[in-house]
Amino acid sequence: MSVEAGTVVLRSRRGTAMGPAFPEIVAAAGRLPDAIAIDCVM
């Protein structure tokens, strides 16, 4: 996941856009500072 200029990009390891499947994560991430990237392994 990354946040750049208020735009949140949530992708799978393979690059598939996952934002539509997790709107609550996208909404919460929109409150993070710009130029941030988070890598999460589940």
PDB file of N, CA and C in Angstrom:
ATOM      1  N   MET A   1       0.849  -1.159   0.000  1.00  0.00           N
ATOM      2  CA  MET A   1       0.000   0.000   0.000  1.00  0.00           C
ATOM      3  C   MET A   1       0.893   1.220   0.000  1.00  0.00           C
ATOM      4  N   SER A   2       0.457   2.231  -0.720  1.00  0.00           N
ATOM      5  CA  SER A   2       1.168   3.505  -0.715  1.00  0.00           C
ATOM      6  C   SER A   2       0.163   4.646  -0.732  1.00  0.00           C
ATOM      7  N   VAL A   3       0.612   5.784  -0.217  1.00  0.00           N
ATOM      8  CA  VAL A   3      -0.188   6.997  -0.223  1.00  0.00           C
ATOM      9  C   VAL A   3       0.667   8.085  -0.844  1.00  0.00           C
ATOM     10  N   GLU A   4       0.188   8.673  -1.897  1.00  0.00           N
ATOM     11  CA  GLU A   4       0.917   9.730  -2.608  1.00  0.00           C
ATOM     12  C   GLU A   4      -0.077  10.799  -3.016  1.00  0.00           C
ATOM     13  N   ALA A   5       0.123  12.006  -2.516  1.00  0.00           N
ATOM     14  CA  ALA A   5      -0.764  13.141  -2.819  1.00  0.00           C
ATOM     15  C   ALA A   5      -2.222  12.814  -2.505  1.00  0.00           C
ATOM     16  N   GLY A   6      -2.438  12.088  -1.403  1.00  0.00           N
ATOM     17  CA  GLY A   6      -3.791  11.764  -0.984  1.00  0.00           C
ATOM     18  C   GLY A   6      -4.427  10.593  -1.699  1.00  0.00           C
ATOM     19  N   THR A   7      -3.715  10.002  -2.648  1.00  0.00           N
ATOM     20  CA  THR A   7      -4.235   8.853  -3.384  1.00  0.00           C
ATOM     21  C   THR A   7      -3.681   7.571  -2.776  1.00  0.00           C
ATOM     22  N   VAL A   8      -4.568   6.666  -2.401  1.00  0.00           N
ATOM     23  CA  VAL A   8      -4.170   5.404  -1.783  1.00  0.00           C
ATOM     24  C   VAL A   8      -4.151   4.320  -2.849  1.00  0.00           C
ATOM     25  N   VAL A   9      -3.059   3.564  -2.891  1.00  0.00           N
ATOM     26  CA  VAL A   9      -2.940   2.438  -3.820  1.00  0.00           C
ATOM     27  C   VAL A   9      -2.712   1.181  -2.990  1.00  0.00           C
ATOM     28  N   LEU A  10      -3.647   0.265  -3.088  1.00  0.00           N
ATOM     29  CA  LEU A  10      -3.572  -1.001  -2.365  1.00  0.00           C
ATOM     30  C   LEU A  10      -3.506  -2.108  -3.409  1.00  0.00           C
ATOM     31  N   ARG A  11      -2.395  -2.838  -3.421  1.00  0.00           N
ATOM     32  CA  ARG A  11      -2.179  -3.880  -4.438  1.00  0.00           C
ATOM     33  C   ARG A  11      -1.752  -5.196  -3.790  1.00  0.00           C
ATOM     34  N   SER A  12      -2.037  -6.286  -4.487  1.00  0.00           N
ATOM     35  CA  SER A  12      -1.578  -7.602  -4.054  1.00  0.00           C
ATOM     36  C   SER A  12      -0.111  -7.761  -4.447  1.00  0.00           C
ATOM     37  N   ARG A  13       0.484  -8.846  -4.026  1.00  0.00           N
ATOM     38  CA  ARG A  13       1.878  -9.132  -4.408  1.00  0.00           C
ATOM     39  C   ARG A  13       2.050  -9.195  -5.924  1.00  0.00           C
ATOM     40  N   ARG A  14       1.013  -9.627  -6.594  1.00  0.00           N
ATOM     41  CA  ARG A  14       1.089  -9.765  -8.050  1.00  0.00           C
ATOM     42  C   ARG A  14       0.689  -8.501  -8.791  1.00  0.00           C
ATOM     43  N   GLY A  15       0.372  -7.430  -8.042  1.00  0.00           N
ATOM     44  CA  GLY A  15       0.049  -6.157  -8.665  1.00  0.00           C
ATOM     45  C   GLY A  15      -1.425  -5.912  -8.917  1.00  0.00           C
ATOM     46  N   THR A  16      -2.268  -6.838  -8.481  1.00  0.00           N
ATOM     47  CA  THR A  16      -3.715  -6.671  -8.655  1.00  0.00           C
ATOM     48  C   THR A  16      -4.228  -5.571  -7.731  1.00  0.00           C
ATOM     49  N   ALA A  17      -5.042  -4.675  -8.262  1.00  0.00           N
ATOM     50  CA  ALA A  17      -5.630  -3.606  -7.456  1.00  0.00           C
ATOM     51  C   ALA A  17      -6.593  -4.225  -6.446  1.00  0.00           C
ATOM     52  N   MET A  18      -6.361  -3.972  -5.159  1.00  0.00           N
ATOM     53  CA  MET A  18      -7.183  -4.560  -4.097  1.00  0.00           C
ATOM     54  C   MET A  18      -8.033  -3.530  -3.371  1.00  0.00           C
ATOM     55  N   GLY A  19      -7.907  -2.262  -3.712  1.00  0.00           N
ATOM     56  CA  GLY A  19      -8.661  -1.210  -3.051  1.00  0.00           C
ATOM     57  C   GLY A  19     -10.159  -1.427  -3.038  1.00  0.00           C
ATOM     58  N   PRO A  20     -10.767  -1.802  -4.165  1.00  0.00           N
ATOM     59  CA  PRO A  20     -12.214  -2.009  -4.167  1.00  0.00           C
ATOM     60  C   PRO A  20     -12.682  -3.112  -3.213  1.00  0.00           C
ATOM     61  N   ALA A  21     -11.842  -4.081  -2.946  1.00  0.00           N
ATOM     62  CA  ALA A  21     -12.208  -5.171  -2.043  1.00  0.00           C
ATOM     63  C   ALA A  21     -12.080  -4.779  -0.571  1.00  0.00           C
ATOM     64  N   PHE A  22     -11.312  -3.717  -0.295  1.00  0.00           N
ATOM     65  CA  PHE A  22     -11.059  -3.305   1.084  1.00  0.00           C
ATOM     66  C   PHE A  22     -11.230  -1.793   1.240  1.00  0.00           C
ATOM     67  N   PRO A  23     -12.442  -1.287   1.019  1.00  0.00           N
ATOM     68  CA  PRO A  23     -12.658   0.159   1.077  1.00  0.00           C
ATOM     69  C   PRO A  23     -12.376   0.759   2.455  1.00  0.00           C
ATOM     70  N   GLU A  24     -12.550  -0.026   3.520  1.00  0.00           N
ATOM     71  CA  GLU A  24     -12.286   0.498   4.856  1.00  0.00           C
ATOM     72  C   GLU A  24     -10.793   0.742   5.075  1.00  0.00           C
ATOM     73  N   ILE A  25      -9.947  -0.089   4.490  1.00  0.00           N
ATOM     74  CA  ILE A  25      -8.500   0.113   4.591  1.00  0.00           C
ATOM     75  C   ILE A  25      -8.089   1.331   3.781  1.00  0.00           C
ATOM     76  N   VAL A  26      -8.636   1.473   2.589  1.00  0.00           N
ATOM     77  CA  VAL A  26      -8.336   2.629   1.739  1.00  0.00           C
ATOM     78  C   VAL A  26      -8.756   3.914   2.442  1.00  0.00           C
ATOM     79  N   ALA A  27      -9.931   3.910   3.066  1.00  0.00           N
ATOM     80  CA  ALA A  27     -10.415   5.107   3.764  1.00  0.00           C
ATOM     81  C   ALA A  27      -9.495   5.466   4.929  1.00  0.00           C
ATOM     82  N   ALA A  28      -9.090   4.478   5.709  1.00  0.00           N
ATOM     83  CA  ALA A  28      -8.206   4.731   6.846  1.00  0.00           C
ATOM     84  C   ALA A  28      -6.827   5.179   6.379  1.00  0.00           C
ATOM     85  N   ALA A  29      -6.316   4.570   5.324  1.00  0.00           N
ATOM     86  CA  ALA A  29      -4.990   4.920   4.818  1.00  0.00           C
ATOM     87  C   ALA A  29      -4.959   6.329   4.248  1.00  0.00           C
ATOM     88  N   GLY A  30      -6.097   6.829   3.825  1.00  0.00           N
ATOM     89  CA  GLY A  30      -6.173   8.190   3.301  1.00  0.00           C
ATOM     90  C   GLY A  30      -5.833   9.238   4.342  1.00  0.00           C
ATOM     91  N   ARG A  31      -5.854   8.859   5.613  1.00  0.00           N
ATOM     92  CA  ARG A  31      -5.505   9.791   6.691  1.00  0.00           C
ATOM     93  C   ARG A  31      -4.023   9.739   7.040  1.00  0.00           C
ATOM     94  N   LEU A  32      -3.265   8.834   6.408  1.00  0.00           N
ATOM     95  CA  LEU A  32      -1.826   8.750   6.647  1.00  0.00           C
ATOM     96  C   LEU A  32      -1.099   9.871   5.905  1.00  0.00           C
ATOM     97  N   PRO A  33       0.133  10.193   6.333  1.00  0.00           N
ATOM     98  CA  PRO A  33       0.890  11.232   5.631  1.00  0.00           C
ATOM     99  C   PRO A  33       1.244  10.795   4.209  1.00  0.00           C
ATOM    100  N   ASP A  34       1.446  11.778   3.334  1.00  0.00           N
ATOM    101  CA  ASP A  34       1.864  11.493   1.960  1.00  0.00           C
ATOM    102  C   ASP A  34       3.243  10.845   1.939  1.00  0.00           C
ATOM    103  N   ALA A  35       3.540  10.245   0.802  1.00  0.00           N
ATOM    104  CA  ALA A  35       4.846   9.622   0.535  1.00  0.00           C
ATOM    105  C   ALA A  35       5.147   8.506   1.527  1.00  0.00           C
ATOM    106  N   ILE A  36       4.136   7.698   1.835  1.00  0.00           N
ATOM    107  CA  ILE A  36       4.326   6.580   2.744  1.00  0.00           C
ATOM    108  C   ILE A  36       4.022   5.291   1.985  1.00  0.00           C
ATOM    109  N   ALA A  37       4.771   4.255   2.312  1.00  0.00           N
ATOM    110  CA  ALA A  37       4.530   2.933   1.740  1.00  0.00           C
ATOM    111  C   ALA A  37       4.536   1.925   2.879  1.00  0.00           C
ATOM    112  N   ILE A  38       3.601   0.996   2.861  1.00  0.00           N
ATOM    113  CA  ILE A  38       3.504  -0.029   3.892  1.00  0.00           C
ATOM    114  C   ILE A  38       3.473  -1.380   3.197  1.00  0.00           C
ATOM    115  N   ASP A  39       4.328  -2.283   3.644  1.00  0.00           N
ATOM    116  CA  ASP A  39       4.381  -3.626   3.096  1.00  0.00           C
ATOM    117  C   ASP A  39       3.925  -4.578   4.197  1.00  0.00           C
ATOM    118  N   CYS A  40       2.893  -5.328   3.927  1.00  0.00           N
ATOM    119  CA  CYS A  40       2.327  -6.225   4.931  1.00  0.00           C
ATOM    120  C   CYS A  40       2.253  -7.627   4.355  1.00  0.00           C
ATOM    121  N   VAL A  41       2.755  -8.579   5.087  1.00  0.00           N
ATOM    122  CA  VAL A  41       2.706  -9.974   4.669  1.00  0.00           C
ATOM    123  C   VAL A  41       1.747 -10.701   5.598  1.00  0.00           C
ATOM    124  N   MET A  42       0.796 -11.362   5.003  1.00  0.00           N
ATOM    125  CA  MET A  42      -0.185 -12.108   5.810  1.00  0.00           C
ATOM    126  C   MET A  42      -0.122 -13.567   5.492  1.00  0.00           C
TER     127      MET A  42
END
